[in-house]
Amino acid sequence: MPLANTPEVFGLHPNAEIGYYTSAAKEMWSHLIDLQPQTGKPLLLLPLLLLLLLAMLFSVNLQTS
Protein backbone atom coordinates (compact mmCIF):
# COMPACT_ATOMS: atom_id res chain seq x y z
CA MET A 1 0.00 0.00 0.00
CA PRO A 2 1.49 3.39 -0.96
CA LEU A 3 2.31 5.93 1.74
CA ALA A 4 0.71 8.80 -0.21
CA ASN A 5 -2.69 8.45 -1.81
CA THR A 6 -3.17 9.81 -5.30
CA PRO A 7 -6.07 12.15 -6.12
CA GLU A 8 -7.77 9.36 -8.07
CA VAL A 9 -8.30 7.45 -4.81
CA PHE A 10 -10.55 10.28 -3.64
CA GLY A 11 -12.30 10.67 -6.99
CA LEU A 12 -10.41 13.84 -7.90
CA HIS A 13 -8.77 14.86 -11.14
CA PRO A 14 -5.04 13.99 -11.30
CA ASN A 15 -4.20 17.71 -11.53
CA ALA A 16 -5.78 18.35 -8.11
CA GLU A 17 -2.44 17.42 -6.58
CA ILE A 18 -0.75 20.31 -8.41
CA GLY A 19 -3.00 22.84 -6.67
CA TYR A 20 -2.27 21.28 -3.30
CA TYR A 21 1.50 21.38 -3.80
CA THR A 22 1.33 24.96 -5.10
CA SER A 23 -0.59 26.22 -2.08
CA ALA A 24 1.63 24.23 0.31
CA ALA A 25 4.78 25.73 -1.25
CA LYS A 26 3.35 29.27 -1.04
CA GLU A 27 2.46 28.75 2.61
CA MET A 28 5.90 27.33 3.37
CA TRP A 29 7.62 30.29 1.68
CA SER A 30 5.42 32.71 3.59
CA HIS A 31 6.46 31.14 6.89
CA LEU A 32 10.13 31.00 5.94
CA ILE A 33 10.14 34.66 4.94
CA ASP A 34 8.47 35.54 8.24
CA LEU A 35 11.36 33.79 10.01
CA GLN A 36 13.94 36.06 8.36
CA PRO A 37 15.67 38.48 10.72
CA GLN A 38 13.96 41.86 10.80
CA THR A 39 17.22 43.87 10.67
CA GLY A 40 18.69 46.00 7.94
CA LYS A 41 21.12 43.24 6.97
CA PRO A 42 20.71 41.42 3.66
CA LEU A 43 18.70 38.22 3.64
CA LEU A 44 21.32 35.61 4.41
CA LEU A 45 18.97 32.64 4.26
CA LEU A 46 17.54 33.44 0.83
CA PRO A 47 20.11 31.34 -1.12
CA LEU A 48 19.43 28.43 1.24
CA LEU A 49 15.69 28.81 0.76
CA LEU A 50 16.09 28.81 -3.02
CA LEU A 51 18.11 25.60 -2.85
CA LEU A 52 15.41 24.06 -0.66
CA LEU A 53 12.72 25.01 -3.16
CA LEU A 54 14.68 23.54 -6.06
CA ALA A 55 15.23 20.32 -4.11
CA MET A 56 11.50 20.09 -3.35
CA LEU A 57 10.52 20.70 -6.96
CA PHE A 58 13.01 18.13 -8.18
CA SER A 59 11.73 15.63 -5.61
CA VAL A 60 8.10 16.17 -6.69
CA ASN A 61 9.06 15.73 -10.36
CA LEU A 62 10.85 12.47 -9.56
CA GLN A 63 7.86 11.14 -7.62
CA THR A 64 5.40 11.91 -10.42
CA SER A 65 7.60 10.36 -13.13
PDB file of N, CA and C in Angstrom:
ATOM      1  N   MET A   1       0.848  -1.174   0.000  1.00  0.00           N
ATOM      2  CA  MET A   1       0.000   0.000   0.000  1.00  0.00           C
ATOM      3  C   MET A   1       0.897   1.242   0.000  1.00  0.00           C
ATOM      4  N   PRO A   2       0.638   2.186  -0.896  1.00  0.00           N
ATOM      5  CA  PRO A   2       1.489   3.386  -0.963  1.00  0.00           C
ATOM      6  C   PRO A   2       1.308   4.284   0.258  1.00  0.00           C
ATOM      7  N   LEU A   3       2.372   5.021   0.598  1.00  0.00           N
ATOM      8  CA  LEU A   3       2.315   5.933   1.738  1.00  0.00           C
ATOM      9  C   LEU A   3       1.474   7.167   1.434  1.00  0.00           C
ATOM     10  N   ALA A   4       1.475   7.613   0.181  1.00  0.00           N
ATOM     11  CA  ALA A   4       0.713   8.796  -0.208  1.00  0.00           C
ATOM     12  C   ALA A   4      -0.373   8.378  -1.198  1.00  0.00           C
ATOM     13  N   ASN A   5      -1.590   8.772  -0.917  1.00  0.00           N
ATOM     14  CA  ASN A   5      -2.694   8.454  -1.812  1.00  0.00           C
ATOM     15  C   ASN A   5      -2.738   9.444  -2.966  1.00  0.00           C
ATOM     16  N   THR A   6      -3.052   8.945  -4.134  1.00  0.00           N
ATOM     17  CA  THR A   6      -3.170   9.807  -5.304  1.00  0.00           C
ATOM     18  C   THR A   6      -4.560  10.435  -5.319  1.00  0.00           C
ATOM     19  N   PRO A   7      -4.749  11.515  -6.053  1.00  0.00           N
ATOM     20  CA  PRO A   7      -6.069  12.148  -6.119  1.00  0.00           C
ATOM     21  C   PRO A   7      -7.162  11.207  -6.645  1.00  0.00           C
ATOM     22  N   GLU A   8      -6.773  10.270  -7.502  1.00  0.00           N
ATOM     23  CA  GLU A   8      -7.770   9.358  -8.068  1.00  0.00           C
ATOM     24  C   GLU A   8      -8.452   8.528  -6.991  1.00  0.00           C
ATOM     25  N   VAL A   9      -7.736   8.229  -5.905  1.00  0.00           N
ATOM     26  CA  VAL A   9      -8.300   7.447  -4.810  1.00  0.00           C
ATOM     27  C   VAL A   9      -9.514   8.157  -4.219  1.00  0.00           C
ATOM     28  N   PHE A  10      -9.463   9.490  -4.210  1.00  0.00           N
ATOM     29  CA  PHE A  10     -10.552  10.284  -3.644  1.00  0.00           C
ATOM     30  C   PHE A  10     -11.539  10.764  -4.705  1.00  0.00           C
ATOM     31  N   GLY A  11     -11.391  10.274  -5.923  1.00  0.00           N
ATOM     32  CA  GLY A  11     -12.298  10.665  -6.994  1.00  0.00           C
ATOM     33  C   GLY A  11     -12.005  12.034  -7.575  1.00  0.00           C
ATOM     34  N   LEU A  12     -10.786  12.513  -7.398  1.00  0.00           N
ATOM     35  CA  LEU A  12     -10.407  13.835  -7.898  1.00  0.00           C
ATOM     36  C   LEU A  12      -9.637  13.700  -9.205  1.00  0.00           C
ATOM     37  N   HIS A  13      -9.558  14.810  -9.915  1.00  0.00           N
ATOM     38  CA  HIS A  13      -8.768  14.861 -11.140  1.00  0.00           C
ATOM     39  C   HIS A  13      -7.289  14.759 -10.773  1.00  0.00           C
ATOM     40  N   PRO A  14      -6.469  14.117 -11.617  1.00  0.00           N
ATOM     41  CA  PRO A  14      -5.038  13.991 -11.297  1.00  0.00           C
ATOM     42  C   PRO A  14      -4.341  15.333 -11.075  1.00  0.00           C
ATOM     43  N   ASN A  15      -4.826  16.397 -11.691  1.00  0.00           N
ATOM     44  CA  ASN A  15      -4.196  17.707 -11.527  1.00  0.00           C
ATOM     45  C   ASN A  15      -4.550  18.369 -10.196  1.00  0.00           C
ATOM     46  N   ALA A  16      -5.439  17.772  -9.415  1.00  0.00           N
ATOM     47  CA  ALA A  16      -5.785  18.349  -8.111  1.00  0.00           C
ATOM     48  C   ALA A  16      -4.561  18.398  -7.207  1.00  0.00           C
ATOM     49  N   GLU A  17      -3.652  17.476  -7.387  1.00  0.00           N
ATOM     50  CA  GLU A  17      -2.439  17.424  -6.579  1.00  0.00           C
ATOM     51  C   GLU A  17      -1.550  18.644  -6.842  1.00  0.00           C
ATOM     52  N   ILE A  18      -1.561  19.144  -8.067  1.00  0.00           N
ATOM     53  CA  ILE A  18      -0.748  20.315  -8.411  1.00  0.00           C
ATOM     54  C   ILE A  18      -1.185  21.517  -7.583  1.00  0.00           C
ATOM     55  N   GLY A  19      -2.482  21.722  -7.469  1.00  0.00           N
ATOM     56  CA  GLY A  19      -3.000  22.837  -6.669  1.00  0.00           C
ATOM     57  C   GLY A  19      -2.610  22.717  -5.206  1.00  0.00           C
ATOM     58  N   TYR A  20      -2.658  21.503  -4.701  1.00  0.00           N
ATOM     59  CA  TYR A  20      -2.273  21.278  -3.300  1.00  0.00           C
ATOM     60  C   TYR A  20      -0.803  21.630  -3.086  1.00  0.00           C
ATOM     61  N   TYR A  21       0.062  21.115  -3.960  1.00  0.00           N
ATOM     62  CA  TYR A  21       1.499  21.382  -3.799  1.00  0.00           C
ATOM     63  C   TYR A  21       1.817  22.865  -3.989  1.00  0.00           C
ATOM     64  N   THR A  22       1.109  23.528  -4.890  1.00  0.00           N
ATOM     65  CA  THR A  22       1.328  24.957  -5.098  1.00  0.00           C
ATOM     66  C   THR A  22       0.979  25.747  -3.851  1.00  0.00           C
ATOM     67  N   SER A  23      -0.188  25.473  -3.275  1.00  0.00           N
ATOM     68  CA  SER A  23      -0.587  26.216  -2.078  1.00  0.00           C
ATOM     69  C   SER A  23       0.311  25.871  -0.888  1.00  0.00           C
ATOM     70  N   ALA A  24       0.734  24.614  -0.781  1.00  0.00           N
ATOM     71  CA  ALA A  24       1.629  24.228   0.312  1.00  0.00           C
ATOM     72  C   ALA A  24       2.978  24.934   0.181  1.00  0.00           C
ATOM     73  N   ALA A  25       3.497  25.041  -1.036  1.00  0.00           N
ATOM     74  CA  ALA A  25       4.778  25.729  -1.248  1.00  0.00           C
ATOM     75  C   ALA A  25       4.655  27.217  -0.927  1.00  0.00           C
ATOM     76  N   LYS A  26       3.544  27.837  -1.342  1.00  0.00           N
ATOM     77  CA  LYS A  26       3.348  29.266  -1.039  1.00  0.00           C
ATOM     78  C   LYS A  26       3.273  29.496   0.461  1.00  0.00           C
ATOM     79  N   GLU A  27       2.567  28.612   1.161  1.00  0.00           N
ATOM     80  CA  GLU A  27       2.456  28.747   2.609  1.00  0.00           C
ATOM     81  C   GLU A  27       3.809  28.556   3.275  1.00  0.00           C
ATOM     82  N   MET A  28       4.583  27.570   2.809  1.00  0.00           N
ATOM     83  CA  MET A  28       5.899  27.330   3.372  1.00  0.00           C
ATOM     84  C   MET A  28       6.803  28.549   3.174  1.00  0.00           C
ATOM     85  N   TRP A  29       6.793  29.118   1.951  1.00  0.00           N
ATOM     86  CA  TRP A  29       7.620  30.292   1.676  1.00  0.00           C
ATOM     87  C   TRP A  29       7.200  31.466   2.545  1.00  0.00           C
ATOM     88  N   SER A  30       5.909  31.620   2.751  1.00  0.00           N
ATOM     89  CA  SER A  30       5.422  32.708   3.590  1.00  0.00           C
ATOM     90  C   SER A  30       5.976  32.576   5.005  1.00  0.00           C
ATOM     91  N   HIS A  31       5.937  31.364   5.545  1.00  0.00           N
ATOM     92  CA  HIS A  31       6.456  31.143   6.895  1.00  0.00           C
ATOM     93  C   HIS A  31       7.968  31.322   6.949  1.00  0.00           C
ATOM     94  N   LEU A  32       8.675  30.853   5.935  1.00  0.00           N
ATOM     95  CA  LEU A  32      10.129  30.997   5.938  1.00  0.00           C
ATOM     96  C   LEU A  32      10.553  32.460   5.832  1.00  0.00           C
ATOM     97  N   ILE A  33       9.827  33.231   5.045  1.00  0.00           N
ATOM     98  CA  ILE A  33      10.145  34.662   4.937  1.00  0.00           C
ATOM     99  C   ILE A  33       9.848  35.371   6.253  1.00  0.00           C
ATOM    100  N   ASP A  34       8.776  34.955   6.945  1.00  0.00           N
ATOM    101  CA  ASP A  34       8.467  35.538   8.243  1.00  0.00           C
ATOM    102  C   ASP A  34       9.570  35.245   9.267  1.00  0.00           C
ATOM    103  N   LEU A  35      10.296  34.159   9.084  1.00  0.00           N
ATOM    104  CA  LEU A  35      11.361  33.794  10.006  1.00  0.00           C
ATOM    105  C   LEU A  35      12.660  34.565   9.763  1.00  0.00           C
ATOM    106  N   GLN A  36      12.738  35.291   8.660  1.00  0.00           N
ATOM    107  CA  GLN A  36      13.940  36.064   8.355  1.00  0.00           C
ATOM    108  C   GLN A  36      14.158  37.129   9.432  1.00  0.00           C
ATOM    109  N   PRO A  37      15.400  37.420   9.740  1.00  0.00           N
ATOM    110  CA  PRO A  37      15.672  38.478  10.722  1.00  0.00           C
ATOM    111  C   PRO A  37      15.116  39.816  10.236  1.00  0.00           C
ATOM    112  N   GLN A  38      14.586  40.572  11.150  1.00  0.00           N
ATOM    113  CA  GLN A  38      13.964  41.855  10.802  1.00  0.00           C
ATOM    114  C   GLN A  38      14.948  43.013  10.996  1.00  0.00           C
ATOM    115  N   THR A  39      16.199  42.822  10.566  1.00  0.00           N
ATOM    116  CA  THR A  39      17.216  43.869  10.672  1.00  0.00           C
ATOM    117  C   THR A  39      17.481  44.437   9.289  1.00  0.00           C
ATOM    118  N   GLY A  40      18.351  45.391   9.221  1.00  0.00           N
ATOM    119  CA  GLY A  40      18.689  46.000   7.944  1.00  0.00           C
ATOM    120  C   GLY A  40      19.703  45.196   7.141  1.00  0.00           C
ATOM    121  N   LYS A  41      20.144  44.069   7.668  1.00  0.00           N
ATOM    122  CA  LYS A  41      21.124  43.242   6.974  1.00  0.00           C
ATOM    123  C   LYS A  41      20.465  42.511   5.806  1.00  0.00           C
ATOM    124  N   PRO A  42      21.269  42.163   4.789  1.00  0.00           N
ATOM    125  CA  PRO A  42      20.706  41.417   3.662  1.00  0.00           C
ATOM    126  C   PRO A  42      20.180  40.051   4.104  1.00  0.00           C
ATOM    127  N   LEU A  43      19.278  39.533   3.328  1.00  0.00           N
ATOM    128  CA  LEU A  43      18.701  38.221   3.638  1.00  0.00           C
ATOM    129  C   LEU A  43      19.749  37.136   3.417  1.00  0.00           C
ATOM    130  N   LEU A  44      20.257  36.606   4.497  1.00  0.00           N
ATOM    131  CA  LEU A  44      21.316  35.607   4.410  1.00  0.00           C
ATOM    132  C   LEU A  44      20.773  34.217   4.107  1.00  0.00           C
ATOM    133  N   LEU A  45      19.531  33.967   4.455  1.00  0.00           N
ATOM    134  CA  LEU A  45      18.968  32.640   4.261  1.00  0.00           C
ATOM    135  C   LEU A  45      18.333  32.467   2.886  1.00  0.00           C
ATOM    136  N   LEU A  46      18.217  33.531   2.118  1.00  0.00           N
ATOM    137  CA  LEU A  46      17.540  33.440   0.825  1.00  0.00           C
ATOM    138  C   LEU A  46      18.191  32.420  -0.100  1.00  0.00           C
ATOM    139  N   PRO A  47      19.518  32.386  -0.262  1.00  0.00           N
ATOM    140  CA  PRO A  47      20.111  31.344  -1.117  1.00  0.00           C
ATOM    141  C   PRO A  47      19.781  29.933  -0.629  1.00  0.00           C
ATOM    142  N   LEU A  48      19.773  29.736   0.686  1.00  0.00           N
ATOM    143  CA  LEU A  48      19.428  28.433   1.239  1.00  0.00           C
ATOM    144  C   LEU A  48      17.976  28.081   0.942  1.00  0.00           C
ATOM    145  N   LEU A  49      17.100  29.054   1.049  1.00  0.00           N
ATOM    146  CA  LEU A  49      15.687  28.814   0.756  1.00  0.00           C
ATOM    147  C   LEU A  49      15.470  28.470  -0.709  1.00  0.00           C
ATOM    148  N   LEU A  50      16.210  29.114  -1.593  1.00  0.00           N
ATOM    149  CA  LEU A  50      16.090  28.813  -3.019  1.00  0.00           C
ATOM    150  C   LEU A  50      16.560  27.389  -3.315  1.00  0.00           C
ATOM    151  N   LEU A  51      17.640  26.975  -2.677  1.00  0.00           N
ATOM    152  CA  LEU A  51      18.109  25.603  -2.847  1.00  0.00           C
ATOM    153  C   LEU A  51      17.077  24.601  -2.327  1.00  0.00           C
ATOM    154  N   LEU A  52      16.447  24.927  -1.215  1.00  0.00           N
ATOM    155  CA  LEU A  52      15.412  24.061  -0.659  1.00  0.00           C
ATOM    156  C   LEU A  52      14.239  23.932  -1.619  1.00  0.00           C
ATOM    157  N   LEU A  53      13.821  25.041  -2.200  1.00  0.00           N
ATOM    158  CA  LEU A  53      12.718  25.005  -3.160  1.00  0.00           C
ATOM    159  C   LEU A  53      13.065  24.160  -4.377  1.00  0.00           C
ATOM    160  N   LEU A  54      14.261  24.340  -4.904  1.00  0.00           N
ATOM    161  CA  LEU A  54      14.677  23.542  -6.057  1.00  0.00           C
ATOM    162  C   LEU A  54      14.713  22.058  -5.713  1.00  0.00           C
ATOM    163  N   ALA A  55      15.190  21.729  -4.529  1.00  0.00           N
ATOM    164  CA  ALA A  55      15.229  20.322  -4.107  1.00  0.00           C
ATOM    165  C   ALA A  55      13.826  19.758  -4.001  1.00  0.00           C
ATOM    166  N   MET A  56      12.891  20.552  -3.475  1.00  0.00           N
ATOM    167  CA  MET A  56      11.505  20.088  -3.351  1.00  0.00           C
ATOM    168  C   MET A  56      10.885  19.880  -4.716  1.00  0.00           C
ATOM    169  N   LEU A  57      11.090  20.818  -5.622  1.00  0.00           N
ATOM    170  CA  LEU A  57      10.517  20.698  -6.960  1.00  0.00           C
ATOM    171  C   LEU A  57      11.088  19.488  -7.681  1.00  0.00           C
ATOM    172  N   PHE A  58      12.380  19.277  -7.544  1.00  0.00           N
ATOM    173  CA  PHE A  58      13.013  18.127  -8.177  1.00  0.00           C
ATOM    174  C   PHE A  58      12.464  16.831  -7.586  1.00  0.00           C
ATOM    175  N   SER A  59      12.259  16.817  -6.282  1.00  0.00           N
ATOM    176  CA  SER A  59      11.727  15.635  -5.609  1.00  0.00           C
ATOM    177  C   SER A  59      10.307  15.336  -6.097  1.00  0.00           C
ATOM    178  N   VAL A  60       9.472  16.358  -6.227  1.00  0.00           N
ATOM    179  CA  VAL A  60       8.095  16.170  -6.693  1.00  0.00           C
ATOM    180  C   VAL A  60       8.107  15.654  -8.123  1.00  0.00           C
ATOM    181  N   ASN A  61       8.985  16.183  -8.971  1.00  0.00           N
ATOM    182  CA  ASN A  61       9.057  15.732 -10.356  1.00  0.00           C
ATOM    183  C   ASN A  61       9.496  14.271 -10.425  1.00  0.00           C
ATOM    184  N   LEU A  62      10.409  13.859  -9.549  1.00  0.00           N
ATOM    185  CA  LEU A  62      10.848  12.466  -9.560  1.00  0.00           C
ATOM    186  C   LEU A  62       9.731  11.540  -9.095  1.00  0.00           C
ATOM    187  N   GLN A  63       8.925  11.975  -8.145  1.00  0.00           N
ATOM    188  CA  GLN A  63       7.857  11.137  -7.625  1.00  0.00           C
ATOM    189  C   GLN A  63       6.729  10.971  -8.635  1.00  0.00           C
ATOM    190  N   THR A  64       6.492  11.980  -9.458  1.00  0.00           N
ATOM    191  CA  THR A  64       5.399  11.906 -10.419  1.00  0.00           C
ATOM    192  C   THR A  64       5.812  11.225 -11.704  1.00  0.00           C
ATOM    193  N   SER A  65       7.126  11.003 -11.904  1.00  0.00           N
ATOM    194  CA  SER A  65       7.602  10.364 -13.128  1.00  0.00           C
ATOM    195  C   SER A  65       7.454   8.868 -13.064  1.00  0.00           C
TER     196      SER A  65
END
